[in-house]
Amino acid sequence: MCMGSLNISITEDVYEMLKRFKREDQSFSDVIRSLAEGKDISKCYGLLSGCKEELGLIEKEVLRARRQKWKEARF
């Protein structure tokens, strides 16, 4: 399916932001689409703010898992 194209105007700072997100194999349309369809994680902000102990345990487990992954890596 071939879609037409439109020209839009954006400021240089926004262009630079989009360029940082863009991979070599992506168009700017792909970048904008992925950002527009992305999950709104801002709704999760502060969700765990009262869970300091649990967050500490999660952080320790993540670090352990990362170390284990590197031990298993084959180069």
PDB file of N, CA and C in Angstrom:
ATOM      1  N   MET A   1       0.845  -1.171   0.000  1.00  0.00           N
ATOM      2  CA  MET A   1       0.000   0.000   0.000  1.00  0.00           C
ATOM      3  C   MET A   1       0.891   1.235   0.000  1.00  0.00           C
ATOM      4  N   CYS A   2       0.741   2.058  -0.969  1.00  0.00           N
ATOM      5  CA  CYS A   2       1.554   3.261  -1.090  1.00  0.00           C
ATOM      6  C   CYS A   2       0.770   4.454  -0.552  1.00  0.00           C
ATOM      7  N   MET A   3       1.372   5.158   0.362  1.00  0.00           N
ATOM      8  CA  MET A   3       0.720   6.325   0.931  1.00  0.00           C
ATOM      9  C   MET A   3       1.372   7.576   0.373  1.00  0.00           C
ATOM     10  N   GLY A   4       0.586   8.623   0.271  1.00  0.00           N
ATOM     11  CA  GLY A   4       1.127   9.894  -0.161  1.00  0.00           C
ATOM     12  C   GLY A   4       1.962  10.500   0.940  1.00  0.00           C
ATOM     13  N   SER A   5       2.494  11.660   0.675  1.00  0.00           N
ATOM     14  CA  SER A   5       3.295  12.324   1.702  1.00  0.00           C
ATOM     15  C   SER A   5       2.822  13.758   1.866  1.00  0.00           C
ATOM     16  N   LEU A   6       3.112  14.302   3.039  1.00  0.00           N
ATOM     17  CA  LEU A   6       2.789  15.679   3.366  1.00  0.00           C
ATOM     18  C   LEU A   6       4.039  16.342   3.902  1.00  0.00           C
ATOM     19  N   ASN A   7       4.134  17.617   3.730  1.00  0.00           N
ATOM     20  CA  ASN A   7       5.224  18.374   4.336  1.00  0.00           C
ATOM     21  C   ASN A   7       4.712  19.009   5.618  1.00  0.00           C
ATOM     22  N   ILE A   8       5.517  18.911   6.671  1.00  0.00           N
ATOM     23  CA  ILE A   8       5.171  19.580   7.913  1.00  0.00           C
ATOM     24  C   ILE A   8       6.345  20.465   8.322  1.00  0.00           C
ATOM     25  N   SER A   9       6.058  21.445   9.118  1.00  0.00           N
ATOM     26  CA  SER A   9       7.100  22.343   9.591  1.00  0.00           C
ATOM     27  C   SER A   9       7.366  22.055  11.061  1.00  0.00           C
ATOM     28  N   ILE A  10       8.642  21.847  11.394  1.00  0.00           N
ATOM     29  CA  ILE A  10       9.034  21.651  12.784  1.00  0.00           C
ATOM     30  C   ILE A  10      10.238  22.540  13.064  1.00  0.00           C
ATOM     31  N   THR A  11      10.426  22.868  14.312  1.00  0.00           N
ATOM     32  CA  THR A  11      11.573  23.694  14.675  1.00  0.00           C
ATOM     33  C   THR A  11      12.844  22.845  14.648  1.00  0.00           C
ATOM     34  N   GLU A  12      13.983  23.492  14.589  1.00  0.00           N
ATOM     35  CA  GLU A  12      15.257  22.773  14.520  1.00  0.00           C
ATOM     36  C   GLU A  12      15.497  21.907  15.748  1.00  0.00           C
ATOM     37  N   ASP A  13      15.093  22.382  16.929  1.00  0.00           N
ATOM     38  CA  ASP A  13      15.318  21.587  18.133  1.00  0.00           C
ATOM     39  C   ASP A  13      14.492  20.300  18.105  1.00  0.00           C
ATOM     40  N   VAL A  14      13.281  20.366  17.590  1.00  0.00           N
ATOM     41  CA  VAL A  14      12.448  19.162  17.465  1.00  0.00           C
ATOM     42  C   VAL A  14      13.050  18.222  16.423  1.00  0.00           C
ATOM     43  N   TYR A  15      13.549  18.765  15.335  1.00  0.00           N
ATOM     44  CA  TYR A  15      14.212  17.954  14.311  1.00  0.00           C
ATOM     45  C   TYR A  15      15.396  17.192  14.921  1.00  0.00           C
ATOM     46  N   GLU A  16      16.188  17.879  15.746  1.00  0.00           N
ATOM     47  CA  GLU A  16      17.339  17.235  16.381  1.00  0.00           C
ATOM     48  C   GLU A  16      16.899  16.119  17.332  1.00  0.00           C
ATOM     49  N   MET A  17      15.797  16.347  18.044  1.00  0.00           N
ATOM     50  CA  MET A  17      15.262  15.297  18.921  1.00  0.00           C
ATOM     51  C   MET A  17      14.873  14.071  18.115  1.00  0.00           C
ATOM     52  N   LEU A  18      14.138  14.286  17.042  1.00  0.00           N
ATOM     53  CA  LEU A  18      13.699  13.171  16.196  1.00  0.00           C
ATOM     54  C   LEU A  18      14.898  12.449  15.586  1.00  0.00           C
ATOM     55  N   LYS A  19      15.893  13.202  15.187  1.00  0.00           N
ATOM     56  CA  LYS A  19      17.089  12.626  14.584  1.00  0.00           C
ATOM     57  C   LYS A  19      17.814  11.705  15.566  1.00  0.00           C
ATOM     58  N   ARG A  20      17.797  12.044  16.857  1.00  0.00           N
ATOM     59  CA  ARG A  20      18.431  11.193  17.870  1.00  0.00           C
ATOM     60  C   ARG A  20      17.681   9.868  18.032  1.00  0.00           C
ATOM     61  N   PHE A  21      16.369   9.879  17.833  1.00  0.00           N
ATOM     62  CA  PHE A  21      15.577   8.650  17.929  1.00  0.00           C
ATOM     63  C   PHE A  21      15.707   7.779  16.680  1.00  0.00           C
ATOM     64  N   LYS A  22      16.015   8.396  15.561  1.00  0.00           N
ATOM     65  CA  LYS A  22      15.993   7.717  14.271  1.00  0.00           C
ATOM     66  C   LYS A  22      17.168   6.754  14.113  1.00  0.00           C
ATOM     67  N   ARG A  23      16.839   5.522  13.714  1.00  0.00           N
ATOM     68  CA  ARG A  23      17.870   4.547  13.375  1.00  0.00           C
ATOM     69  C   ARG A  23      18.164   4.645  11.879  1.00  0.00           C
ATOM     70  N   GLU A  24      19.239   4.038  11.484  1.00  0.00           N
ATOM     71  CA  GLU A  24      19.671   4.062  10.083  1.00  0.00           C
ATOM     72  C   GLU A  24      18.595   3.525   9.131  1.00  0.00           C
ATOM     73  N   ASP A  25      17.877   2.484   9.570  1.00  0.00           N
ATOM     74  CA  ASP A  25      16.892   1.830   8.704  1.00  0.00           C
ATOM     75  C   ASP A  25      15.490   2.429   8.819  1.00  0.00           C
ATOM     76  N   GLN A  26      15.345   3.563   9.501  1.00  0.00           N
ATOM     77  CA  GLN A  26      14.032   4.170   9.696  1.00  0.00           C
ATOM     78  C   GLN A  26      13.905   5.484   8.934  1.00  0.00           C
ATOM     79  N   SER A  27      12.677   5.783   8.574  1.00  0.00           N
ATOM     80  CA  SER A  27      12.355   7.109   8.045  1.00  0.00           C
ATOM     81  C   SER A  27      11.893   7.971   9.216  1.00  0.00           C
ATOM     82  N   PHE A  28      11.796   9.268   9.009  1.00  0.00           N
ATOM     83  CA  PHE A  28      11.263  10.131  10.053  1.00  0.00           C
ATOM     84  C   PHE A  28       9.802   9.792  10.320  1.00  0.00           C
ATOM     85  N   SER A  29       9.080   9.371   9.302  1.00  0.00           N
ATOM     86  CA  SER A  29       7.688   8.936   9.517  1.00  0.00           C
ATOM     87  C   SER A  29       7.630   7.754  10.470  1.00  0.00           C
ATOM     88  N   ASP A  30       8.567   6.812  10.322  1.00  0.00           N
ATOM     89  CA  ASP A  30       8.621   5.664  11.231  1.00  0.00           C
ATOM     90  C   ASP A  30       8.855   6.113  12.670  1.00  0.00           C
ATOM     91  N   VAL A  31       9.763   7.060  12.846  1.00  0.00           N
ATOM     92  CA  VAL A  31      10.072   7.560  14.193  1.00  0.00           C
ATOM     93  C   VAL A  31       8.847   8.225  14.809  1.00  0.00           C
ATOM     94  N   ILE A  32       8.218   9.101  14.061  1.00  0.00           N
ATOM     95  CA  ILE A  32       7.035   9.814  14.574  1.00  0.00           C
ATOM     96  C   ILE A  32       5.921   8.826  14.886  1.00  0.00           C
ATOM     97  N   ARG A  33       5.723   7.833  14.021  1.00  0.00           N
ATOM     98  CA  ARG A  33       4.691   6.822  14.251  1.00  0.00           C
ATOM     99  C   ARG A  33       4.974   6.054  15.541  1.00  0.00           C
ATOM    100  N   SER A  34       6.215   5.626  15.737  1.00  0.00           N
ATOM    101  CA  SER A  34       6.522   4.852  16.940  1.00  0.00           C
ATOM    102  C   SER A  34       6.365   5.694  18.205  1.00  0.00           C
ATOM    103  N   LEU A  35       6.684   6.968  18.133  1.00  0.00           N
ATOM    104  CA  LEU A  35       6.499   7.840  19.295  1.00  0.00           C
ATOM    105  C   LEU A  35       5.019   8.092  19.569  1.00  0.00           C
ATOM    106  N   ALA A  36       4.257   8.270  18.516  1.00  0.00           N
ATOM    107  CA  ALA A  36       2.828   8.551  18.675  1.00  0.00           C
ATOM    108  C   ALA A  36       2.066   7.326  19.175  1.00  0.00           C
ATOM    109  N   GLU A  37       2.511   6.136  18.791  1.00  0.00           N
ATOM    110  CA  GLU A  37       1.834   4.909  19.197  1.00  0.00           C
ATOM    111  C   GLU A  37       2.388   4.342  20.495  1.00  0.00           C
ATOM    112  N   GLY A  38       3.441   4.946  21.013  1.00  0.00           N
ATOM    113  CA  GLY A  38       4.090   4.436  22.219  1.00  0.00           C
ATOM    114  C   GLY A  38       3.193   4.466  23.433  1.00  0.00           C
ATOM    115  N   LYS A  39       3.571   3.718  24.421  1.00  0.00           N
ATOM    116  CA  LYS A  39       2.833   3.672  25.674  1.00  0.00           C
ATOM    117  C   LYS A  39       3.099   4.944  26.465  1.00  0.00           C
ATOM    118  N   ASP A  40       2.094   5.410  27.171  1.00  0.00           N
ATOM    119  CA  ASP A  40       2.228   6.604  27.992  1.00  0.00           C
ATOM    120  C   ASP A  40       2.688   6.193  29.384  1.00  0.00           C
ATOM    121  N   ILE A  41       4.012   6.132  29.576  1.00  0.00           N
ATOM    122  CA  ILE A  41       4.536   5.692  30.861  1.00  0.00           C
ATOM    123  C   ILE A  41       4.420   6.776  31.930  1.00  0.00           C
ATOM    124  N   SER A  42       4.045   7.988  31.538  1.00  0.00           N
ATOM    125  CA  SER A  42       3.906   9.055  32.531  1.00  0.00           C
ATOM    126  C   SER A  42       2.815   8.728  33.554  1.00  0.00           C
ATOM    127  N   LYS A  43       1.889   7.863  33.174  1.00  0.00           N
ATOM    128  CA  LYS A  43       0.836   7.457  34.107  1.00  0.00           C
ATOM    129  C   LYS A  43       1.394   6.614  35.252  1.00  0.00           C
ATOM    130  N   CYS A  44       2.583   6.068  35.066  1.00  0.00           N
ATOM    131  CA  CYS A  44       3.213   5.241  36.093  1.00  0.00           C
ATOM    132  C   CYS A  44       4.092   6.045  37.039  1.00  0.00           C
ATOM    133  N   TYR A  45       4.313   7.319  36.729  1.00  0.00           N
ATOM    134  CA  TYR A  45       5.197   8.143  37.545  1.00  0.00           C
ATOM    135  C   TYR A  45       4.729   8.164  38.995  1.00  0.00           C
ATOM    136  N   GLY A  46       5.638   7.863  39.914  1.00  0.00           N
ATOM    137  CA  GLY A  46       5.335   7.907  41.335  1.00  0.00           C
ATOM    138  C   GLY A  46       4.610   6.687  41.872  1.00  0.00           C
ATOM    139  N   LEU A  47       4.306   5.747  41.024  1.00  0.00           N
ATOM    140  CA  LEU A  47       3.536   4.573  41.423  1.00  0.00           C
ATOM    141  C   LEU A  47       4.199   3.801  42.567  1.00  0.00           C
ATOM    142  N   LEU A  48       5.518   3.732  42.546  1.00  0.00           N
ATOM    143  CA  LEU A  48       6.244   2.957  43.556  1.00  0.00           C
ATOM    144  C   LEU A  48       6.964   3.841  44.573  1.00  0.00           C
ATOM    145  N   SER A  49       6.584   5.104  44.667  1.00  0.00           N
ATOM    146  CA  SER A  49       7.307   6.033  45.535  1.00  0.00           C
ATOM    147  C   SER A  49       7.273   5.625  47.010  1.00  0.00           C
ATOM    148  N   GLY A  50       6.288   4.913  47.439  1.00  0.00           N
ATOM    149  CA  GLY A  50       6.211   4.489  48.829  1.00  0.00           C
ATOM    150  C   GLY A  50       6.762   3.093  49.062  1.00  0.00           C
ATOM    151  N   CYS A  51       7.498   2.568  48.115  1.00  0.00           N
ATOM    152  CA  CYS A  51       7.961   1.172  48.183  1.00  0.00           C
ATOM    153  C   CYS A  51       9.486   1.090  48.147  1.00  0.00           C
ATOM    154  N   LYS A  52      10.146   1.854  48.994  1.00  0.00           N
ATOM    155  CA  LYS A  52      11.620   1.916  48.981  1.00  0.00           C
ATOM    156  C   LYS A  52      12.258   0.542  49.167  1.00  0.00           C
ATOM    157  N   GLU A  53      11.748  -0.240  50.116  1.00  0.00           N
ATOM    158  CA  GLU A  53      12.334  -1.555  50.388  1.00  0.00           C
ATOM    159  C   GLU A  53      12.195  -2.476  49.174  1.00  0.00           C
ATOM    160  N   GLU A  54      11.008  -2.495  48.585  1.00  0.00           N
ATOM    161  CA  GLU A  54      10.773  -3.339  47.413  1.00  0.00           C
ATOM    162  C   GLU A  54      11.638  -2.899  46.234  1.00  0.00           C
ATOM    163  N   LEU A  55      11.793  -1.595  46.076  1.00  0.00           N
ATOM    164  CA  LEU A  55      12.629  -1.093  44.980  1.00  0.00           C
ATOM    165  C   LEU A  55      14.082  -1.514  45.161  1.00  0.00           C
ATOM    166  N   GLY A  56      14.557  -1.517  46.395  1.00  0.00           N
ATOM    167  CA  GLY A  56      15.913  -1.980  46.675  1.00  0.00           C
ATOM    168  C   GLY A  56      16.097  -3.430  46.292  1.00  0.00           C
ATOM    169  N   LEU A  57      15.097  -4.258  46.606  1.00  0.00           N
ATOM    170  CA  LEU A  57      15.154  -5.674  46.253  1.00  0.00           C
ATOM    171  C   LEU A  57      15.138  -5.872  44.730  1.00  0.00           C
ATOM    172  N   ILE A  58      14.311  -5.091  44.061  1.00  0.00           N
ATOM    173  CA  ILE A  58      14.238  -5.177  42.592  1.00  0.00           C
ATOM    174  C   ILE A  58      15.577  -4.776  41.986  1.00  0.00           C
ATOM    175  N   GLU A  59      16.162  -3.694  42.484  1.00  0.00           N
ATOM    176  CA  GLU A  59      17.450  -3.234  41.955  1.00  0.00           C
ATOM    177  C   GLU A  59      18.524  -4.307  42.131  1.00  0.00           C
ATOM    178  N   LYS A  60      18.575  -4.936  43.307  1.00  0.00           N
ATOM    179  CA  LYS A  60      19.553  -6.001  43.550  1.00  0.00           C
ATOM    180  C   LYS A  60      19.346  -7.163  42.584  1.00  0.00           C
ATOM    181  N   GLU A  61      18.096  -7.532  42.344  1.00  0.00           N
ATOM    182  CA  GLU A  61      17.801  -8.648  41.441  1.00  0.00           C
ATOM    183  C   GLU A  61      18.181  -8.312  39.997  1.00  0.00           C
ATOM    184  N   VAL A  62      17.936  -7.090  39.582  1.00  0.00           N
ATOM    185  CA  VAL A  62      18.305  -6.665  38.231  1.00  0.00           C
ATOM    186  C   VAL A  62      19.824  -6.734  38.065  1.00  0.00           C
ATOM    187  N   LEU A  63      20.561  -6.232  39.036  1.00  0.00           N
ATOM    188  CA  LEU A  63      22.028  -6.280  38.965  1.00  0.00           C
ATOM    189  C   LEU A  63      22.529  -7.715  38.932  1.00  0.00           C
ATOM    190  N   ARG A  64      21.912  -8.602  39.729  1.00  0.00           N
ATOM    191  CA  ARG A  64      22.296 -10.007  39.728  1.00  0.00           C
ATOM    192  C   ARG A  64      22.043 -10.644  38.361  1.00  0.00           C
ATOM    193  N   ALA A  65      20.887 -10.340  37.793  1.00  0.00           N
ATOM    194  CA  ALA A  65      20.532 -10.897  36.482  1.00  0.00           C
ATOM    195  C   ALA A  65      21.487 -10.396  35.398  1.00  0.00           C
ATOM    196  N   ARG A  66      21.858  -9.129  35.478  1.00  0.00           N
ATOM    197  CA  ARG A  66      22.805  -8.587  34.486  1.00  0.00           C
ATOM    198  C   ARG A  66      24.160  -9.275  34.584  1.00  0.00           C
ATOM    199  N   ARG A  67      24.647  -9.461  35.822  1.00  0.00           N
ATOM    200  CA  ARG A  67      25.935 -10.146  36.001  1.00  0.00           C
ATOM    201  C   ARG A  67      25.862 -11.566  35.460  1.00  0.00           C
ATOM    202  N   GLN A  68      24.764 -12.253  35.720  1.00  0.00           N
ATOM    203  CA  GLN A  68      24.596 -13.626  35.238  1.00  0.00           C
ATOM    204  C   GLN A  68      24.577 -13.664  33.712  1.00  0.00           C
ATOM    205  N   LYS A  69      23.915 -12.703  33.118  1.00  0.00           N
ATOM    206  CA  LYS A  69      23.839 -12.661  31.652  1.00  0.00           C
ATOM    207  C   LYS A  69      25.237 -12.506  31.061  1.00  0.00           C
ATOM    208  N   TRP A  70      26.071 -11.664  31.660  1.00  0.00           N
ATOM    209  CA  TRP A  70      27.430 -11.470  31.146  1.00  0.00           C
ATOM    210  C   TRP A  70      28.270 -12.720  31.327  1.00  0.00           C
ATOM    211  N   LYS A  71      28.032 -13.462  32.393  1.00  0.00           N
ATOM    212  CA  LYS A  71      28.791 -14.709  32.597  1.00  0.00           C
ATOM    213  C   LYS A  71      28.471 -15.714  31.509  1.00  0.00           C
ATOM    214  N   GLU A  72      27.231 -15.697  31.031  1.00  0.00           N
ATOM    215  CA  GLU A  72      26.788 -16.650  30.023  1.00  0.00           C
ATOM    216  C   GLU A  72      27.091 -16.211  28.594  1.00  0.00           C
ATOM    217  N   ALA A  73      27.520 -14.970  28.429  1.00  0.00           N
ATOM    218  CA  ALA A  73      27.755 -14.424  27.086  1.00  0.00           C
ATOM    219  C   ALA A  73      28.953 -15.127  26.430  1.00  0.00           C
ATOM    220  N   ARG A  74      28.798 -15.398  25.162  1.00  0.00           N
ATOM    221  CA  ARG A  74      29.875 -16.024  24.378  1.00  0.00           C
ATOM    222  C   ARG A  74      30.323 -15.033  23.311  1.00  0.00           C
ATOM    223  N   PHE A  75      31.601 -14.714  23.332  1.00  0.00           N
ATOM    224  CA  PHE A  75      32.145 -13.742  22.349  1.00  0.00           C
ATOM    225  C   PHE A  75      33.022 -14.430  21.353  1.00  0.00           C
TER     226      PHE A  75
END
